[in-house]
Amino acid sequence: MMTKLALVAAGGAAGAMLRFLVGHWITQAAPGLPLGTFVVNVIGSFAMGILAVSLMERPGAWVHFAPLLMTGLLGGFTTFSAFSLDALYLFERGRIALALSYVAGSVVLSITALALGLWLGRRILV
């Protein structure tokens, strides 16, 4: 159990650093819009699809890497709480249409990215 917790912690630290770097880079490229969180959530959802196939659905899968990569790395990388804060701030600032677009786009594209990751992983890895 301690080994799994250490894997989750290591992956979470790496994921959080990646989230910060990607978010910072995107925010610099598009200031004033919460695109950093948006992009991180879509990329994280796509990666979760690929990892779900490669770590859990393949014969002889390396499921023991799931705590490190899925729970830790992607758990630290994706940012649903930050997404919620970004959406609420947009609502509070009266940018209702942008807030609704942001929420709908994040949910639809993240689920679509995860489905695409599963589809691609199943075609390539299985």
Protein backbone atom coordinates (compact mmCIF):
# COMPACT_ATOMS: atom_id res chain seq x y z
CA MET A 1 0.00 0.00 0.00
CA MET A 2 2.80 2.45 0.83
CA THR A 3 4.38 1.81 -2.55
CA LYS A 4 1.13 2.70 -4.31
CA LEU A 5 0.80 5.86 -2.24
CA ALA A 6 4.37 6.83 -3.12
CA LEU A 7 3.59 6.27 -6.81
CA VAL A 8 0.45 8.42 -6.59
CA ALA A 9 2.39 11.16 -4.78
CA ALA A 10 5.25 11.15 -7.30
CA GLY A 11 2.85 11.17 -10.25
CA GLY A 12 0.75 13.90 -8.65
CA ALA A 13 3.76 16.14 -8.14
CA ALA A 14 4.86 15.66 -11.75
CA GLY A 15 1.31 16.22 -13.02
CA ALA A 16 0.90 19.41 -11.00
CA MET A 17 4.17 20.78 -12.36
CA LEU A 18 3.12 19.92 -15.91
CA ARG A 19 -0.26 21.58 -15.34
CA PHE A 20 1.45 24.74 -14.12
CA LEU A 21 3.84 24.84 -17.09
CA VAL A 22 1.20 24.15 -19.74
CA GLY A 23 -1.26 26.56 -18.13
CA HIS A 24 1.38 29.26 -17.86
CA TRP A 25 2.46 28.87 -21.48
CA ILE A 26 -1.10 28.97 -22.80
CA THR A 27 -2.08 31.90 -20.58
CA GLN A 28 0.87 33.85 -21.96
CA ALA A 29 -0.30 33.05 -25.49
CA ALA A 30 -3.96 33.97 -24.80
CA PRO A 31 -4.18 36.33 -21.81
CA GLY A 32 -7.59 36.99 -20.30
CA LEU A 33 -9.10 33.65 -21.27
CA PRO A 34 -9.10 30.48 -19.13
CA LEU A 35 -7.64 28.43 -21.97
CA GLY A 36 -4.86 26.91 -19.86
CA THR A 37 -7.28 24.94 -17.73
CA PHE A 38 -9.43 24.14 -20.77
CA VAL A 39 -6.49 22.71 -22.76
CA VAL A 40 -5.11 20.79 -19.78
CA ASN A 41 -8.48 19.13 -19.17
CA VAL A 42 -8.86 18.10 -22.83
CA ILE A 43 -5.28 16.78 -23.08
CA GLY A 44 -5.66 14.98 -19.76
CA SER A 45 -8.90 13.34 -20.87
CA PHE A 46 -7.29 12.16 -24.12
CA ALA A 47 -4.30 10.78 -22.21
CA MET A 48 -6.64 9.02 -19.77
CA GLY A 49 -8.26 7.21 -22.69
CA ILE A 50 -4.90 6.03 -24.02
CA LEU A 51 -3.72 4.97 -20.56
CA ALA A 52 -6.97 3.17 -19.77
CA VAL A 53 -6.44 0.98 -22.81
CA SER A 54 -2.69 0.49 -22.46
CA LEU A 55 -2.69 -0.13 -18.70
CA MET A 56 -6.01 -1.83 -18.06
CA GLU A 57 -7.50 -3.36 -21.19
CA ARG A 58 -4.57 -5.09 -22.86
CA PRO A 59 -3.63 -8.68 -22.11
CA GLY A 60 -0.70 -8.62 -19.72
CA ALA A 61 -1.39 -4.95 -19.06
CA TRP A 62 0.93 -3.08 -16.78
CA VAL A 63 -1.89 -2.20 -14.42
CA HIS A 64 0.61 -1.62 -11.61
CA PHE A 65 1.52 1.69 -13.35
CA ALA A 66 -2.07 2.97 -13.05
CA PRO A 67 -1.55 4.60 -9.62
CA LEU A 68 1.49 6.50 -10.91
CA LEU A 69 0.12 7.55 -14.28
CA MET A 70 -3.67 7.63 -14.03
CA THR A 71 -4.32 8.59 -10.42
CA GLY A 72 -1.11 10.52 -9.80
CA LEU A 73 0.11 12.12 -13.02
CA LEU A 74 -3.27 12.77 -14.63
CA GLY A 75 -4.92 13.52 -11.29
CA GLY A 76 -2.31 16.21 -10.70
CA PHE A 77 -2.41 17.40 -14.30
CA THR A 78 -6.14 17.80 -14.89
CA THR A 79 -7.77 20.63 -13.08
CA PHE A 80 -11.47 20.26 -12.50
CA SER A 81 -11.43 22.45 -9.40
CA ALA A 82 -9.56 25.16 -11.31
CA PHE A 83 -12.04 24.72 -14.16
CA SER A 84 -14.91 25.32 -11.73
CA LEU A 85 -13.26 28.44 -10.35
CA ASP A 86 -12.58 29.82 -13.85
CA ALA A 87 -16.21 29.23 -14.84
CA LEU A 88 -17.57 30.87 -11.69
CA TYR A 89 -15.32 33.90 -12.11
CA LEU A 90 -16.56 34.35 -15.68
CA PHE A 91 -20.17 34.21 -14.40
CA GLU A 92 -19.41 36.67 -11.61
CA ARG A 93 -17.84 39.09 -14.08
CA GLY A 94 -20.98 39.02 -16.20
CA ARG A 95 -19.41 37.08 -19.06
CA ILE A 96 -22.32 34.64 -19.11
CA ALA A 97 -22.07 33.54 -22.75
CA LEU A 98 -18.33 32.92 -22.43
CA ALA A 99 -18.86 31.04 -19.15
CA LEU A 100 -21.52 28.78 -20.69
CA SER A 101 -19.37 28.18 -23.76
CA TYR A 102 -16.39 27.40 -21.55
CA VAL A 103 -18.33 24.88 -19.43
CA ALA A 104 -20.03 23.18 -22.39
CA GLY A 105 -16.86 23.13 -24.46
CA SER A 106 -14.77 21.74 -21.61
CA VAL A 107 -17.20 18.94 -20.84
CA VAL A 108 -17.97 17.98 -24.45
CA LEU A 109 -14.38 18.18 -25.70
CA SER A 110 -12.93 16.38 -22.67
CA ILE A 111 -15.38 13.48 -23.01
CA THR A 112 -14.79 13.43 -26.78
CA ALA A 113 -11.00 13.45 -26.21
CA LEU A 114 -11.30 10.55 -23.77
CA ALA A 115 -13.42 8.59 -26.26
CA LEU A 116 -10.89 9.33 -29.00
CA GLY A 117 -8.06 8.21 -26.72
CA LEU A 118 -9.88 4.95 -25.98
CA TRP A 119 -10.63 4.39 -29.66
CA LEU A 120 -7.06 5.13 -30.74
CA GLY A 121 -5.55 3.09 -27.91
CA ARG A 122 -7.72 0.11 -28.80
CA ARG A 123 -6.68 0.34 -32.46
CA ILE A 124 -2.98 0.73 -31.81
CA LEU A 125 -2.33 -1.06 -28.53
CA VAL A 126 -4.70 -4.04 -28.50
